[in-house]
Protein backbone atom coordinates (compact mmCIF):
# COMPACT_ATOMS: atom_id res chain seq x y z
CA MET A 1 90.25 89.51 110.52
CA TYR A 2 89.37 93.44 110.23
CA LYS A 3 87.13 94.94 106.72
CA TYR A 4 88.21 98.61 107.33
CA LEU A 5 91.26 98.39 109.62
CA PHE A 6 94.29 96.70 107.90
CA GLY A 7 98.21 96.10 109.05
CA PRO A 8 100.03 97.94 111.65
CA VAL A 9 102.52 97.80 108.05
CA PRO A 10 105.76 99.76 107.99
CA SER A 11 105.95 103.33 106.25
CA ARG A 12 108.87 105.17 105.50
CA ARG A 13 107.14 108.13 107.17
CA LEU A 14 105.50 106.75 109.96
CA GLY A 15 106.56 104.03 111.78
CA MET A 16 104.09 101.28 112.29
CA SER A 17 100.33 102.79 111.11
CA LEU A 18 97.55 101.35 111.35
CA GLY A 19 95.34 102.47 108.18
CA VAL A 20 91.53 103.04 108.04
CA ASP A 21 89.59 102.46 104.47
CA LEU A 22 87.22 105.00 104.55
CA VAL A 23 85.34 104.24 101.24
CA PRO A 24 85.29 101.10 98.38
CA ARG A 25 87.73 100.99 96.19
CA LYS A 26 88.75 103.08 94.63
CA VAL A 27 86.01 105.70 95.10
CA CYS A 28 88.29 109.43 94.51
CA SER A 29 87.76 112.84 93.17
CA LEU A 30 90.79 111.53 91.11
CA ASN A 31 92.35 109.11 88.53
CA CYS A 32 95.89 109.26 88.46
CA VAL A 33 97.77 107.58 86.37
CA TYR A 34 100.32 107.03 88.10
CA CYS A 35 97.80 105.09 90.88
CA GLU A 36 99.30 101.72 92.27
CA VAL A 37 95.85 100.62 93.22
CA GLY A 38 93.99 100.85 89.60
CA ASP A 39 91.36 103.04 87.62
CA THR A 40 89.23 104.76 89.88
CA THR A 41 85.94 102.90 89.99
CA LYS A 42 83.90 105.41 91.14
CA LEU A 43 85.28 108.88 89.80
CA THR A 44 83.22 112.01 92.16
CA THR A 45 83.98 114.96 94.10
CA ASN A 46 79.76 113.70 96.43
CA ARG A 47 80.96 113.42 99.94
CA MET A 48 78.29 110.70 102.24
CA ALA A 49 79.17 107.90 104.90
CA TYR A 50 80.28 105.56 102.09
CA ILE A 51 81.18 103.38 104.81
CA PRO A 52 79.02 103.58 107.88
CA ALA A 53 80.96 105.01 110.75
CA ASN A 54 79.75 102.86 113.33
CA LYS A 55 81.29 99.54 111.55
CA ILE A 56 84.75 102.01 111.55
CA ILE A 57 84.19 102.75 114.94
CA SER A 58 83.71 99.23 116.30
CA GLU A 59 86.49 97.19 114.83
CA LEU A 60 88.48 100.48 116.05
CA GLY A 61 87.01 99.43 119.42
CA GLN A 62 87.92 95.81 119.01
CA TYR A 63 91.56 97.02 118.04
CA PHE A 64 91.99 98.83 120.87
CA THR A 65 91.21 96.25 123.10
CA SER A 66 93.03 93.25 121.97
CA SER A 67 96.10 95.13 120.42
CA PRO A 68 99.03 97.31 120.92
CA ALA A 69 99.12 101.14 120.45
CA PRO A 70 100.81 101.66 116.68
CA ASP A 71 103.20 104.59 116.28
CA TYR A 72 100.05 106.41 114.20
CA ILE A 73 96.23 105.81 113.07
CA THR A 74 96.27 106.53 109.74
CA PHE A 75 93.81 107.18 107.27
CA SER A 76 94.42 106.33 103.99
CA GLY A 77 93.07 102.88 101.74
CA TYR A 78 91.90 102.42 98.65
CA GLY A 79 90.08 105.44 97.32
CA GLU A 80 89.82 109.95 99.24
CA PRO A 81 89.29 109.50 103.01
CA THR A 82 87.53 112.76 103.39
CA LEU A 83 84.64 111.65 100.93
CA ASN A 84 83.07 110.01 103.63
CA SER A 85 81.26 112.49 105.76
CA SER A 86 82.29 111.11 108.84
CA ILE A 87 85.85 111.15 108.76
CA GLY A 88 85.60 113.44 111.90
CA GLU A 89 83.22 111.70 113.66
CA ILE A 90 85.89 108.75 113.35
CA ILE A 91 88.67 110.85 114.34
CA GLY A 92 86.88 112.54 117.15
CA PHE A 93 85.91 108.29 118.41
CA ILE A 94 89.96 107.62 117.99
CA LYS A 95 91.08 111.11 119.86
CA GLU A 96 87.97 110.26 122.21
CA LYS A 97 89.43 106.71 123.65
CA GLN A 98 93.43 106.82 122.12
CA PRO A 99 93.99 110.35 122.58
CA HIS A 100 98.39 109.01 122.88
CA ILE A 101 97.41 107.54 119.37
CA PRO A 102 98.47 110.13 116.78
CA VAL A 103 96.34 110.33 113.46
CA ALA A 104 97.00 111.25 110.44
CA VAL A 105 95.19 111.80 107.17
CA LEU A 106 96.65 110.82 103.60
CA THR A 107 94.51 113.19 100.92
CA ASN A 108 95.08 114.54 97.49
CA GLY A 109 93.76 117.39 99.12
CA THR A 110 91.16 118.11 96.65
CA LEU A 111 88.25 118.95 99.17
CA LEU A 112 89.99 121.51 101.23
CA PHE A 113 87.98 124.02 99.31
CA SER A 114 85.01 122.80 101.77
CA GLU A 115 84.84 124.76 105.27
CA GLU A 116 82.95 121.77 106.06
CA VAL A 117 85.44 118.91 105.22
CA ARG A 118 88.99 121.76 106.93
CA LYS A 119 86.69 121.70 110.20
CA GLU A 120 86.39 117.56 110.11
CA LEU A 121 90.00 117.68 109.86
CA PHE A 122 91.38 120.01 113.01
CA GLN A 123 91.15 116.80 115.07
CA ALA A 124 94.18 114.98 113.42
CA ASP A 125 97.68 115.20 114.31
CA LEU A 126 99.05 115.27 110.91
CA VAL A 127 97.92 115.78 107.50
CA LEU A 128 100.02 115.07 104.05
CA PRO A 129 98.04 116.08 101.88
CA SER A 130 99.16 115.73 97.56
CA LEU A 131 100.15 118.32 94.94
CA ASP A 132 101.69 117.29 91.99
CA ALA A 133 101.06 119.65 89.57
CA ALA A 134 100.65 123.44 90.27
CA THR A 135 99.50 124.30 86.60
CA GLU A 136 95.68 123.11 84.85
CA GLU A 137 97.22 121.38 82.05
CA ALA A 138 99.67 119.45 84.23
CA PHE A 139 97.22 118.82 87.19
CA GLN A 140 94.46 117.75 84.37
CA LYS A 141 97.15 115.12 82.40
CA ILE A 142 98.03 114.22 85.49
CA ASN A 143 95.71 113.98 88.20
CA VAL A 144 92.51 113.40 85.94
CA PRO A 145 90.75 115.23 87.91
CA ALA A 146 86.45 115.00 88.96
CA PRO A 147 84.35 117.70 87.10
CA GLY A 148 84.76 120.52 88.54
CA VAL A 149 88.38 120.20 90.44
CA THR A 150 90.31 122.58 89.78
CA VAL A 151 93.92 123.18 90.18
CA LYS A 152 93.26 126.57 91.32
CA ASN A 153 90.45 125.67 94.19
CA THR A 154 92.81 122.63 95.24
CA ILE A 155 96.19 124.91 96.55
CA ASP A 156 93.36 127.99 96.96
CA GLY A 157 91.70 125.09 100.05
CA LEU A 158 95.65 124.06 100.79
CA ILE A 159 96.07 126.95 101.82
CA SER A 160 93.63 128.27 103.77
CA PHE A 161 93.93 124.76 105.87
CA SER A 162 97.23 125.54 106.09
CA LYS A 163 96.52 128.87 107.95
CA GLU A 164 93.78 127.36 110.45
CA PHE A 165 95.33 123.60 111.14
CA SER A 166 96.97 123.89 114.16
CA GLY A 167 98.98 120.72 113.34
CA LYS A 168 101.60 119.09 110.99
CA ILE A 169 101.01 119.48 107.36
CA TRP A 170 103.63 117.38 105.13
CA LEU A 171 103.01 117.72 101.78
CA GLU A 172 104.00 115.18 99.31
CA ILE A 173 104.70 116.27 95.63
CA PHE A 174 104.85 113.13 93.48
CA ILE A 175 107.19 113.37 90.54
CA LEU A 176 106.60 112.19 86.94
CA PRO A 177 109.42 112.43 84.49
CA GLY A 178 107.78 114.47 81.07
CA TYR A 179 104.83 115.76 83.49
CA ASN A 180 105.87 118.04 86.06
CA ASP A 181 109.58 118.30 86.16
CA SER A 182 110.15 121.14 83.77
CA PRO A 183 111.53 124.35 84.86
CA PRO A 184 107.79 126.66 84.55
CA GLU A 185 106.51 123.35 86.23
CA LEU A 186 108.63 123.61 89.36
CA THR A 187 108.55 127.42 89.68
CA ALA A 188 105.01 126.82 89.47
CA LEU A 189 105.12 124.43 92.21
CA ARG A 190 107.59 126.50 94.26
CA ASN A 191 105.10 129.32 93.61
CA ALA A 192 102.36 127.49 95.33
CA ILE A 193 104.41 125.77 97.78
CA LEU A 194 105.61 129.60 99.24
CA GLN A 195 101.69 130.00 99.19
CA ILE A 196 100.46 127.12 101.37
CA ALA A 197 103.51 127.27 103.55
CA PRO A 198 103.94 123.30 104.93
CA ASN A 199 106.10 122.04 107.47
CA ARG A 200 107.82 119.86 105.55
CA VAL A 201 107.99 119.12 101.57
CA GLN A 202 108.48 115.28 100.08
CA LEU A 203 109.01 114.19 96.85
CA ASN A 204 108.03 111.24 96.02
CA THR A 205 108.22 108.94 92.32
CA LEU A 206 107.33 105.90 91.37
CA ASP A 207 108.64 102.81 92.05
CA ARG A 208 105.25 100.44 91.45
CA PRO A 209 103.91 99.83 88.01
CA GLY A 210 101.07 102.77 87.60
CA ARG A 211 97.76 102.33 86.15
CA MET A 212 98.81 103.44 82.41
CA GLU A 213 101.91 102.36 80.48
CA ASN A 214 105.35 103.21 80.00
CA LEU A 215 105.60 105.70 83.25
CA GLN A 216 108.50 106.22 84.65
CA GLY A 217 109.63 107.20 87.49
CA ALA A 218 112.47 109.89 88.60
CA SER A 219 115.96 108.71 89.40
CA HIS A 220 116.92 109.77 93.02
CA GLU A 221 119.81 112.35 91.05
CA ASP A 222 116.56 113.67 89.16
CA LEU A 223 115.03 114.36 92.74
CA GLU A 224 118.61 115.61 94.34
CA ARG A 225 118.10 118.13 90.99
CA ILE A 226 114.18 119.21 91.31
CA LYS A 227 115.46 119.93 95.48
CA ASP A 228 117.58 122.09 94.69
CA TYR A 229 115.60 123.77 92.18
CA LEU A 230 112.86 124.01 94.61
CA GLN A 231 115.62 126.01 97.00
CA LEU A 232 113.26 126.20 99.86
CA ASP A 233 114.89 124.78 103.66
CA ASN A 234 112.20 121.80 103.97
CA VAL A 235 112.20 119.60 101.26
CA GLU A 236 113.55 116.42 101.37
CA ILE A 237 113.00 113.45 99.34
CA ILE A 238 111.36 110.15 100.64
CA ALA A 239 111.30 108.09 97.69
CA SER A 240 115.02 106.59 97.07
CA ALA A 241 116.47 103.36 95.75
CA ALA A 242 119.43 103.25 98.60
CA VAL A 243 116.49 103.82 101.53
CA ARG A 244 114.21 101.76 99.36
CA LYS A 245 116.14 98.78 99.36
CA LYS A 246 116.86 99.70 103.63
CA GLN A 247 113.53 99.13 104.46
CA GLN A 248 112.69 95.58 106.23
CA ALA A 249 109.04 93.68 105.87
CA TYR A 250 107.19 93.61 109.17
CA ARG A 251 106.41 90.18 109.18
CA LYS A 252 108.74 87.65 107.40
CA ASP A 253 105.37 85.23 107.54
CA MET A 254 103.67 87.65 105.15
CA GLU A 255 106.77 88.12 102.81
CA ASN A 256 107.11 84.22 102.47
CA ALA A 257 103.16 84.08 102.04
CA ILE A 258 103.98 86.00 98.79
CA LEU A 259 106.23 84.31 97.72
CA GLY A 260 104.43 81.07 97.86
CA THR A 261 101.78 82.19 96.42
CA ILE A 262 103.81 83.95 93.18
CA ASP A 263 105.59 80.79 93.17
CA ARG A 264 102.96 78.15 92.13
CA ARG A 265 100.68 81.13 89.49
CA PRO A 266 102.15 85.39 88.45
CA CYS A 267 99.46 87.56 90.19
CA THR A 268 98.25 91.50 90.81
CA ALA A 269 98.32 92.72 93.86
CA ASN A 270 94.39 92.64 93.99
CA ASP A 271 95.01 88.80 93.33
CA LEU A 272 96.97 88.56 96.09
CA ALA A 273 94.72 91.19 98.65
CA ARG A 274 91.99 88.58 98.05
CA ILE A 275 93.88 85.13 98.74
CA LEU A 276 96.42 86.43 101.44
CA GLY A 277 93.16 88.02 103.10
CA THR A 278 94.49 91.53 103.89
CA HIS A 279 94.15 95.00 102.53
CA VAL A 280 95.88 95.69 98.87
CA ASN A 281 97.55 98.58 100.88
CA GLU A 282 99.64 96.51 103.08
CA ILE A 283 100.48 93.79 100.37
CA ASN A 284 101.96 96.69 98.10
CA LYS A 285 104.12 97.75 101.21
CA TYR A 286 105.72 94.17 101.08
CA LEU A 287 105.87 93.75 96.96
CA THR A 288 108.16 97.13 97.35
CA ILE A 289 110.59 95.62 99.22
CA LEU A 290 110.52 92.17 97.41
CA GLU A 291 111.17 93.82 93.95
CA ASN A 292 114.10 96.50 95.61
CA ASN A 293 116.04 92.93 96.85
CA GLN A 294 114.82 91.51 93.29
CA SER A 295 113.08 88.59 94.76
CA ILE A 296 109.94 89.11 92.74
CA GLU A 297 109.98 90.86 89.11
CA HIS A 298 106.36 92.43 87.24
CA ILE A 299 104.97 92.24 84.15
CA ARG A 300 102.31 93.86 82.91
CA GLN A 301 99.31 91.58 81.35
CA LYS A 302 95.70 92.61 79.69
CA ARG A 303 94.38 91.69 82.82
CA GLY A 304 96.82 94.32 84.94
CA VAL A 305 100.06 94.01 86.12
CA PHE A 306 101.43 90.65 87.16
CA TYR A 307 104.14 89.92 89.78
CA GLN A 308 106.08 86.67 89.35
CA LEU A 309 109.30 85.46 91.21
CA LYS A 310 112.57 86.95 89.58
CA LYS A 311 113.95 84.95 86.49
């Protein structure tokens, strides 16, 4: 059992993806209202070796000698991976040992204003930053950043990185109705996208409970409207009920383990991760599938969001 690797799990965007977790739960530079992992426990922009490189490299070495190659090795997990000051060293190890496996980095993009961070990501094949707002008001409301993080330095960092990076950039925009879907907000986002010039723009939305109550995801029709409004050729929708219902679980035994566990008592995603000995991001993949298949449902209680069998 690995402590810092999880999966491989099926990803809508990256096929079978082996996750690499570089920070403890939930160390991040943002405290996004929609985050499915929950409240940020350490809101910071301070970079350090939160998890020492040698521990992650050791697990990767074990994986490479005993497991088939995934479609991608993806830096994601509990928080913001670029906060780990060893990310460049770890990517370098992967590229040295398994150069044929592409490396992806999921990042909120807030540290890309740093030349040091940008250079550390140059070894990656694909970077998937997020940008949910292009006005300071919406940025503060949706993403709740650490002190000193602004929408301007975030966008400036993305622009600089796009000019310097030789790999692919897929920019994700998380649409929250009432937060960032008005014409002024979308116009500001469009202007930012034109400056960043990513290879793809991917529209996403809520499909599991966020950390705040009463958040609603955008409908597929809403996302189509926004796609048309942006008037850009490289925009695609990655959050679609029809698409998600077609997604199949990678391991039926994990589905059955989740169903068997919550049949005894409702559990949060973190409860399930602890009971089943796997990463919460992996659990969340299966919860999405099971909820879309009408096998389970969620209820919000004082301690968090609980999953139970569909009544």
